[in-house]
């Protein structure tokens, strides 16, 4: 494999659950290259899944340049590549041994950073930026934790993200264009528009039945994902992109898989966004709309601690009643047990939640974004 000249950044990503980790890495790589003019090399083990997020990518090519970024297949037989000045190991993916050995041969050695998972837990700020010396080699790896406060790594946010959101919100033609691209007409005025992106969840069918009997018309837009089987069970037939199901007050629309910029626009248009994992969770917060998070399930219910930590932070400024309703619905959704009463209580609070979501996004936007903090930290190590 012929490599280009030594890049400024190497980013390593192992694709887990098809979308989550590579979604974060791809956004970060584009921001480093596009906003800061850095030469970025992105190592990915599963180019097939990656190509869903990036239609310009050819999953059969082991080396290619996409949107100014050098994309390389991370194969078992790793090439003799010269490490970049900054090496980013994402989500504890463990770099190839041969590559780490070459890092140790560099003088000065690269800044080695592990970008960890997002969490609102109290310990994150204490562990953020801590060093971890290599047991045999003269290298130090530093842990970088994304977070919601000034003493963490922050959240991914492009410089023009909020301006783009405001532009779409103020432009009816652009909104119609979003619908045209996914193959549907805009829903009628007065419809509650909901996006549904989640892991497998036994509560999906119950939620759809609750929406079917709603007093308010509901349009549920579903990008192709792991929710499809439950929706097909509700509909009683196979479904694909472009199909719709109308039952009672509910209009379900199956969308094609959306690349990241299109998915962002969908979140901006919706009144309520069901999201999952980390990437869509963060983007839903920047959408400044009410949201429901399906956190990635972990063994021994470890994810419940992370869910509770975020809820404590997010609900801190909500009135007691609204906070209780939101907590109850999120917990029920993550337990897979939704009732009609859960939905009715939650739906009645959506207007208050929208005001809160806008204030929350404004507060987060006053902090430096993750890319800016990561650049400052890496420069302090060089």
Protein backbone atom coordinates (compact mmCIF):
# COMPACT_ATOMS: atom_id res chain seq x y z
CA UNK A 1 0.00 0.00 0.00
CA UNK A 2 1.58 3.28 -1.10
CA UNK A 3 1.17 5.99 1.54
CA UNK A 4 1.08 9.74 1.00
CA UNK A 5 3.57 11.93 2.87
CA UNK A 6 3.39 11.88 6.66
CA UNK A 7 0.03 13.30 7.78
CA UNK A 8 -0.61 15.66 10.68
CA UNK A 9 -3.13 13.28 12.30
CA UNK A 10 -3.72 9.54 12.28
CA UNK A 11 -7.21 8.52 13.47
CA UNK A 12 -7.88 4.84 14.18
CA UNK A 13 -11.43 3.51 14.28
CA UNK A 14 -12.91 0.05 14.70
CA UNK A 15 -16.52 0.06 13.52
CA UNK A 16 -18.89 -1.15 16.23
CA UNK A 17 -22.63 -1.42 15.74
CA UNK A 18 -22.15 -0.24 12.12
CA UNK A 19 -22.45 3.50 12.78
CA UNK A 20 -21.62 4.88 16.21
CA UNK A 21 -17.84 5.02 16.43
CA UNK A 22 -17.21 5.75 12.76
CA UNK A 23 -19.87 8.47 12.88
CA UNK A 24 -17.86 10.35 15.51
CA UNK A 25 -14.52 9.72 13.78
CA UNK A 26 -15.75 10.82 10.36
CA UNK A 27 -17.17 14.08 11.69
CA UNK A 28 -13.95 14.78 13.57
CA UNK A 29 -11.72 13.95 10.59
CA UNK A 30 -13.70 16.29 8.33
CA UNK A 31 -13.57 19.08 10.88
CA UNK A 32 -9.81 18.75 11.37
CA UNK A 33 -9.25 18.81 7.62
CA UNK A 34 -11.94 21.28 6.57
CA UNK A 35 -11.77 23.88 9.34
CA UNK A 36 -8.13 23.60 10.40
CA UNK A 37 -6.40 22.62 7.16
CA UNK A 38 -4.76 19.53 8.65
CA UNK A 39 -3.68 16.45 6.74
CA UNK A 40 -5.71 13.59 8.23
CA UNK A 41 -5.32 9.86 7.68
CA UNK A 42 -8.28 7.77 8.83
CA UNK A 43 -7.80 4.04 9.48
CA UNK A 44 -11.07 2.06 9.43
CA UNK A 45 -11.51 -1.70 9.72
CA UNK A 46 -14.96 -1.87 8.07
CA UNK A 47 -15.20 0.26 4.95
CA UNK A 48 -18.47 -1.40 3.94
CA UNK A 49 -20.33 0.01 6.95
CA UNK A 50 -18.44 3.29 6.65
CA UNK A 51 -19.70 3.72 3.08
CA UNK A 52 -23.26 4.04 4.44
CA UNK A 53 -22.23 7.29 6.11
CA UNK A 54 -20.03 8.37 3.21
CA UNK A 55 -21.49 7.56 -0.23
CA UNK A 56 -18.33 8.91 -1.92
CA UNK A 57 -16.29 6.06 -0.38
CA UNK A 58 -15.45 2.96 -2.43
CA UNK A 59 -15.48 0.07 0.11
CA UNK A 60 -13.40 -2.10 -2.27
CA UNK A 61 -10.43 0.27 -2.28
CA UNK A 62 -7.96 -0.08 0.57
CA UNK A 63 -6.48 3.38 0.04
CA UNK A 64 -8.32 6.45 -1.24
CA UNK A 65 -8.78 10.17 -0.71
CA UNK A 66 -12.30 11.26 0.23
CA UNK A 67 -13.24 14.90 0.88
CA UNK A 68 -9.58 15.73 1.42
CA UNK A 69 -9.00 12.88 3.89
CA UNK A 70 -6.78 9.86 3.27
CA UNK A 71 -8.92 6.81 4.10
CA UNK A 72 -7.12 3.49 4.66
CA UNK A 73 -8.46 0.03 5.35
CA UNK A 74 -7.23 -1.16 8.75
CA UNK A 75 -6.33 -4.73 7.87
CA UNK A 76 -4.80 -7.48 10.02
CA UNK A 77 -1.58 -7.26 8.04
CA UNK A 78 -0.75 -3.64 8.84
CA UNK A 79 1.47 -1.65 6.44
CA UNK A 80 4.73 0.02 7.41
CA UNK A 81 3.21 3.49 7.69
CA UNK A 82 5.05 6.42 9.24
CA UNK A 83 3.03 7.66 12.25
CA UNK A 84 1.57 11.16 12.16
CA UNK A 85 2.52 13.90 14.61
CA UNK A 86 -0.74 13.21 16.47
CA UNK A 87 -2.13 9.68 16.78
CA UNK A 88 -5.74 9.38 17.91
CA UNK A 89 -6.85 5.98 19.16
CA UNK A 90 -10.64 6.13 19.41
CA UNK A 91 -12.74 4.31 21.95
CA UNK A 92 -9.92 2.03 23.16
CA UNK A 93 -9.61 0.34 19.77
CA UNK A 94 -5.96 -0.71 20.45
CA UNK A 95 -3.43 0.28 17.83
CA UNK A 96 -1.48 -2.33 15.86
CA UNK A 97 1.64 -3.37 17.78
CA UNK A 98 3.90 -2.68 14.79
CA UNK A 99 2.52 0.86 14.48
CA UNK A 100 3.08 1.59 18.19
CA UNK A 101 6.66 0.38 17.84
CA UNK A 102 7.19 2.81 14.95
CA UNK A 103 5.70 5.58 17.11
CA UNK A 104 8.41 4.89 19.69
CA UNK A 105 11.09 5.24 17.01
CA UNK A 106 9.96 8.78 16.11
CA UNK A 107 11.83 11.74 17.59
CA UNK A 108 10.01 13.49 19.05
CA UNK A 109 7.40 10.80 19.58
CA UNK A 110 3.86 11.55 18.42
CA UNK A 111 1.18 12.88 20.74
CA UNK A 112 -0.82 9.73 21.53
CA UNK A 113 -4.41 10.31 22.64
CA UNK A 114 -7.27 7.93 23.31
CA UNK A 115 -10.61 9.57 22.56
CA UNK A 116 -13.01 7.81 24.91
CA UNK A 117 -16.79 7.48 25.06
CA UNK A 118 -19.08 10.34 26.05
CA UNK A 119 -20.49 10.32 29.58
CA UNK A 120 -21.98 12.79 32.05
CA UNK A 121 -20.75 10.84 35.08
CA UNK A 122 -18.95 12.81 37.79
CA UNK A 123 -15.65 10.93 37.44
CA UNK A 124 -15.13 12.02 33.82
CA UNK A 125 -13.63 15.42 34.66
CA UNK A 126 -11.15 13.78 37.07
CA UNK A 127 -9.96 11.25 34.49
CA UNK A 128 -9.91 13.64 31.55
CA UNK A 129 -6.38 14.26 30.14
CA UNK A 130 -4.67 11.79 32.49
CA UNK A 131 -1.47 10.08 31.21
CA UNK A 132 -0.92 6.34 30.86
CA UNK A 133 2.75 5.36 30.26
CA UNK A 134 3.38 2.40 27.98
CA UNK A 135 4.68 -0.57 30.02
CA UNK A 136 7.68 -1.23 27.72
CA UNK A 137 8.14 1.63 25.27
CA UNK A 138 9.01 5.31 25.87
CA UNK A 139 5.49 6.44 25.03
CA UNK A 140 2.67 8.02 27.00
CA UNK A 141 -0.98 7.74 26.02
CA UNK A 142 -3.41 10.40 27.26
CA UNK A 143 -7.11 9.86 27.83
CA UNK A 144 -9.46 12.46 26.38
CA UNK A 145 -13.07 12.32 27.53
CA UNK A 146 -15.88 14.15 25.72
CA UNK A 147 -18.33 15.76 28.09
CA UNK A 148 -20.81 18.48 28.88
CA UNK A 149 -18.74 20.74 31.13
CA UNK A 150 -15.73 23.04 30.71
CA UNK A 151 -13.40 20.59 32.49
CA UNK A 152 -13.96 17.79 29.95
CA UNK A 153 -13.25 17.36 26.24
CA UNK A 154 -16.52 18.96 25.11
CA UNK A 155 -18.78 17.94 22.22
CA UNK A 156 -18.25 17.80 18.47
CA UNK A 157 -19.64 20.93 16.82
CA UNK A 158 -18.61 22.39 13.49
CA UNK A 159 -18.04 26.15 13.42
CA UNK A 160 -21.00 26.78 11.14
CA UNK A 161 -23.38 24.15 12.56
CA UNK A 162 -25.76 26.49 14.39
CA UNK A 163 -25.80 28.95 11.48
CA UNK A 164 -26.72 26.12 9.09
CA UNK A 165 -29.47 25.01 11.44
CA UNK A 166 -30.91 28.54 11.62
CA UNK A 167 -30.72 28.88 7.82
CA UNK A 168 -32.78 25.74 7.25
CA UNK A 169 -35.27 26.74 9.96
CA UNK A 170 -35.88 30.07 8.22
CA UNK A 171 -36.08 28.75 4.66
CA UNK A 172 -39.26 26.94 3.61
CA UNK A 173 -37.82 26.03 0.22
CA UNK A 174 -34.86 24.29 1.84
CA UNK A 175 -37.22 22.35 4.09
CA UNK A 176 -39.28 21.21 1.11
CA UNK A 177 -36.01 20.23 -0.57
CA UNK A 178 -35.15 17.96 2.36
CA UNK A 179 -38.47 16.16 1.92
CA UNK A 180 -37.97 15.92 -1.84
CA UNK A 181 -34.61 14.23 -1.34
CA UNK A 182 -36.10 11.51 0.88
CA UNK A 183 -39.02 10.96 -1.49
CA UNK A 184 -41.95 12.32 0.52
CA UNK A 185 -44.11 15.44 0.65
CA UNK A 186 -43.99 17.57 3.80
CA UNK A 187 -46.56 16.43 6.39
CA UNK A 188 -49.69 18.58 6.84
CA UNK A 189 -49.54 21.61 9.12
CA UNK A 190 -50.43 20.66 12.69
CA UNK A 191 -48.81 17.23 12.47
CA UNK A 192 -46.42 16.20 15.24
CA UNK A 193 -43.28 15.20 13.36
CA UNK A 194 -41.12 12.55 15.04
CA UNK A 195 -37.91 10.87 13.91
CA UNK A 196 -37.26 7.34 15.17
CA UNK A 197 -33.70 6.00 15.28
CA UNK A 198 -33.07 3.33 17.91
CA UNK A 199 -31.68 -0.09 18.69
CA UNK A 200 -33.98 -3.10 18.80
CA UNK A 201 -36.56 -2.29 21.46
CA UNK A 202 -39.66 -4.28 22.51
CA UNK A 203 -41.38 -0.95 23.26
CA UNK A 204 -41.46 0.16 19.62
CA UNK A 205 -44.70 -1.66 18.87
CA UNK A 206 -46.37 -0.27 22.01
CA UNK A 207 -45.26 3.24 21.09
CA UNK A 208 -46.62 2.93 17.55
CA UNK A 209 -49.97 1.74 18.92
CA UNK A 210 -50.04 4.74 21.28
CA UNK A 211 -49.36 7.08 18.36
CA UNK A 212 -52.05 5.36 16.29
CA UNK A 213 -54.66 6.39 18.87
CA UNK A 214 -53.29 9.92 19.36
CA UNK A 215 -55.62 12.94 19.34
CA UNK A 216 -52.97 14.77 17.30
CA UNK A 217 -51.85 13.59 13.84
CA UNK A 218 -48.36 12.09 14.06
CA UNK A 219 -45.87 11.58 11.25
CA UNK A 220 -43.06 9.20 12.22
CA UNK A 221 -40.05 9.27 9.89
CA UNK A 222 -37.76 6.25 10.18
CA UNK A 223 -34.32 6.15 8.57
CA UNK A 224 -33.48 2.55 7.68
CA UNK A 225 -32.01 0.97 10.80
CA UNK A 226 -32.52 -1.80 13.32
CA UNK A 227 -36.03 -0.53 14.12
CA UNK A 228 -37.36 -1.84 10.80
CA UNK A 229 -38.32 -5.34 12.01
CA UNK A 230 -40.56 -3.94 14.77
CA UNK A 231 -42.22 -1.53 12.35
CA UNK A 232 -42.81 -4.34 9.88
CA UNK A 233 -44.44 -6.36 12.67
CA UNK A 234 -46.73 -3.40 13.39
CA UNK A 235 -47.56 -2.96 9.69
CA UNK A 236 -47.97 -6.67 9.02
CA UNK A 237 -45.81 -6.64 5.90
CA UNK A 238 -42.29 -6.07 4.61
CA UNK A 239 -41.17 -2.46 4.20
CA UNK A 240 -38.37 -0.60 2.50
CA UNK A 241 -37.21 2.92 1.78
CA UNK A 242 -40.03 4.94 0.24
CA UNK A 243 -42.81 2.89 1.82
CA UNK A 244 -45.37 4.34 4.20
CA UNK A 245 -47.94 2.98 6.64
CA UNK A 246 -51.05 4.96 7.62
CA UNK A 247 -53.11 3.76 10.55
CA UNK A 248 -55.37 5.93 12.69
CA UNK A 249 -53.60 9.17 13.56
CA UNK A 250 -50.21 7.73 12.59
CA UNK A 251 -48.33 8.10 9.31
CA UNK A 252 -45.08 6.10 9.24
CA UNK A 253 -42.56 6.94 6.51
CA UNK A 254 -39.54 4.73 5.86
CA UNK A 255 -36.61 6.83 4.67
CA UNK A 256 -33.46 5.70 2.90
CA UNK A 257 -30.33 5.62 5.01
CA UNK A 258 -29.22 9.24 5.43
CA UNK A 259 -25.64 10.45 5.35
CA UNK A 260 -24.70 12.76 8.19
CA UNK A 261 -25.58 16.20 6.81
CA UNK A 262 -29.00 15.00 5.66
CA UNK A 263 -29.65 13.35 9.01
CA UNK A 264 -28.79 16.62 10.77
CA UNK A 265 -31.39 18.41 8.65
CA UNK A 266 -34.00 15.80 9.52
CA UNK A 267 -33.37 16.36 13.22
CA UNK A 268 -33.78 20.12 12.75
CA UNK A 269 -37.17 19.66 11.08
CA UNK A 270 -38.69 17.30 13.64
CA UNK A 271 -40.63 18.20 16.78
CA UNK A 272 -39.22 15.19 18.66
CA UNK A 273 -36.19 13.01 17.93
CA UNK A 274 -35.62 9.47 19.16
CA UNK A 275 -31.88 8.81 18.90
CA UNK A 276 -29.40 6.16 19.93
CA UNK A 277 -25.75 5.69 20.85
CA UNK A 278 -23.44 8.71 20.85
CA UNK A 279 -23.28 10.44 17.46
CA UNK A 280 -27.02 10.90 16.89
CA UNK A 281 -27.44 11.69 20.61
CA UNK A 282 -25.09 14.67 20.37
CA UNK A 283 -26.55 15.84 17.07
CA UNK A 284 -30.04 15.78 18.54
CA UNK A 285 -28.88 18.11 21.30
CA UNK A 286 -27.52 20.55 18.71
CA UNK A 287 -30.90 20.34 16.95
CA UNK A 288 -32.39 22.10 19.99
CA UNK A 289 -35.47 19.89 19.87
CA UNK A 290 -36.96 17.54 22.49
CA UNK A 291 -35.24 14.17 22.33
CA UNK A 292 -35.38 10.64 23.70
CA UNK A 293 -32.10 8.74 24.03
CA UNK A 294 -31.79 4.99 23.59
CA UNK A 295 -28.44 4.41 25.25
CA UNK A 296 -26.27 1.52 24.05
CA UNK A 297 -27.07 -1.45 26.34
CA UNK A 298 -24.14 -2.79 28.39
CA UNK A 299 -23.59 -5.84 30.56
CA UNK A 300 -24.80 -5.67 34.15
CA UNK A 301 -26.91 -2.62 33.23
CA UNK A 302 -23.84 -0.36 33.40
CA UNK A 303 -25.49 1.90 30.83
CA UNK A 304 -28.24 2.77 33.31
CA UNK A 305 -25.71 4.63 35.45
CA UNK A 306 -24.68 6.69 32.42
CA UNK A 307 -28.32 7.36 31.57
CA UNK A 308 -29.08 8.53 35.10
CA UNK A 309 -26.01 10.78 35.10
CA UNK A 310 -27.10 12.56 31.94
CA UNK A 311 -30.70 12.87 33.12
CA UNK A 312 -29.51 14.47 36.37
CA UNK A 313 -27.54 17.03 34.38
CA UNK A 314 -30.09 17.64 31.64
CA UNK A 315 -33.09 17.91 33.97
CA UNK A 316 -31.43 20.12 36.57
CA UNK A 317 -33.13 23.29 35.29
CA UNK A 318 -36.47 21.72 34.39
CA UNK A 319 -39.53 22.28 36.60
CA UNK A 320 -40.15 19.31 38.88
CA UNK A 321 -43.19 18.03 36.99
CA UNK A 322 -41.57 18.25 33.54
CA UNK A 323 -38.41 16.63 34.88
CA UNK A 324 -40.36 13.73 36.36
CA UNK A 325 -42.26 13.14 33.12
CA UNK A 326 -39.11 13.21 31.00
CA UNK A 327 -37.21 10.90 33.36
CA UNK A 328 -40.09 8.43 33.51
CA UNK A 329 -40.43 8.26 29.73
CA UNK A 330 -36.68 7.90 29.04
CA UNK A 331 -36.37 5.18 31.68
CA UNK A 332 -39.40 3.31 30.34
CA UNK A 333 -38.08 3.53 26.78
CA UNK A 334 -34.71 2.12 27.81
CA UNK A 335 -36.41 -0.65 29.77
CA UNK A 336 -38.57 -1.49 26.76
CA UNK A 337 -41.85 -0.86 28.56
CA UNK A 338 -43.92 2.01 27.15
CA UNK A 339 -47.60 2.51 27.97
CA UNK A 340 -50.17 4.86 26.46
CA UNK A 341 -50.08 6.83 29.71
CA UNK A 342 -46.31 7.25 29.40
CA UNK A 343 -46.75 8.73 25.94
CA UNK A 344 -49.68 10.99 26.82
CA UNK A 345 -47.83 12.49 29.78
CA UNK A 346 -44.72 12.99 27.69
CA UNK A 347 -46.60 14.50 24.74
CA UNK A 348 -48.26 17.07 27.00
CA UNK A 349 -44.83 18.35 28.05
CA UNK A 350 -43.26 18.68 24.59
CA UNK A 351 -43.70 22.46 24.34
CA UNK A 352 -41.92 22.97 27.67
CA UNK A 353 -39.24 20.50 26.62
CA UNK A 354 -38.65 22.42 23.41
CA UNK A 355 -37.91 25.62 25.32
CA UNK A 356 -35.58 23.67 27.59
CA UNK A 357 -33.82 21.99 24.64
CA UNK A 358 -33.15 25.37 23.06
CA UNK A 359 -31.66 26.75 26.27
CA UNK A 360 -29.59 23.60 26.74
CA UNK A 361 -28.11 23.89 23.24
CA UNK A 362 -27.35 27.59 23.76
CA UNK A 363 -25.56 26.81 27.02
CA UNK A 364 -23.44 24.06 25.44
CA UNK A 365 -22.59 26.33 22.49
CA UNK A 366 -20.93 28.83 24.84
CA UNK A 367 -18.19 26.26 25.46
CA UNK A 368 -15.36 25.34 23.10
CA UNK A 369 -16.15 22.36 20.91
CA UNK A 370 -14.37 19.00 21.14
CA UNK A 371 -12.20 19.55 18.06
CA UNK A 372 -10.90 22.88 19.39
CA UNK A 373 -10.11 21.38 22.80
CA UNK A 374 -8.50 18.34 21.23
CA UNK A 375 -6.25 20.53 19.07
CA UNK A 376 -5.20 22.66 22.04
CA UNK A 377 -4.45 19.57 24.10
CA UNK A 378 -2.47 17.85 21.34
CA UNK A 379 -0.35 20.95 20.78
CA UNK A 380 0.51 21.04 24.47
CA UNK A 381 2.01 17.55 24.09
CA UNK A 382 4.20 18.29 21.08
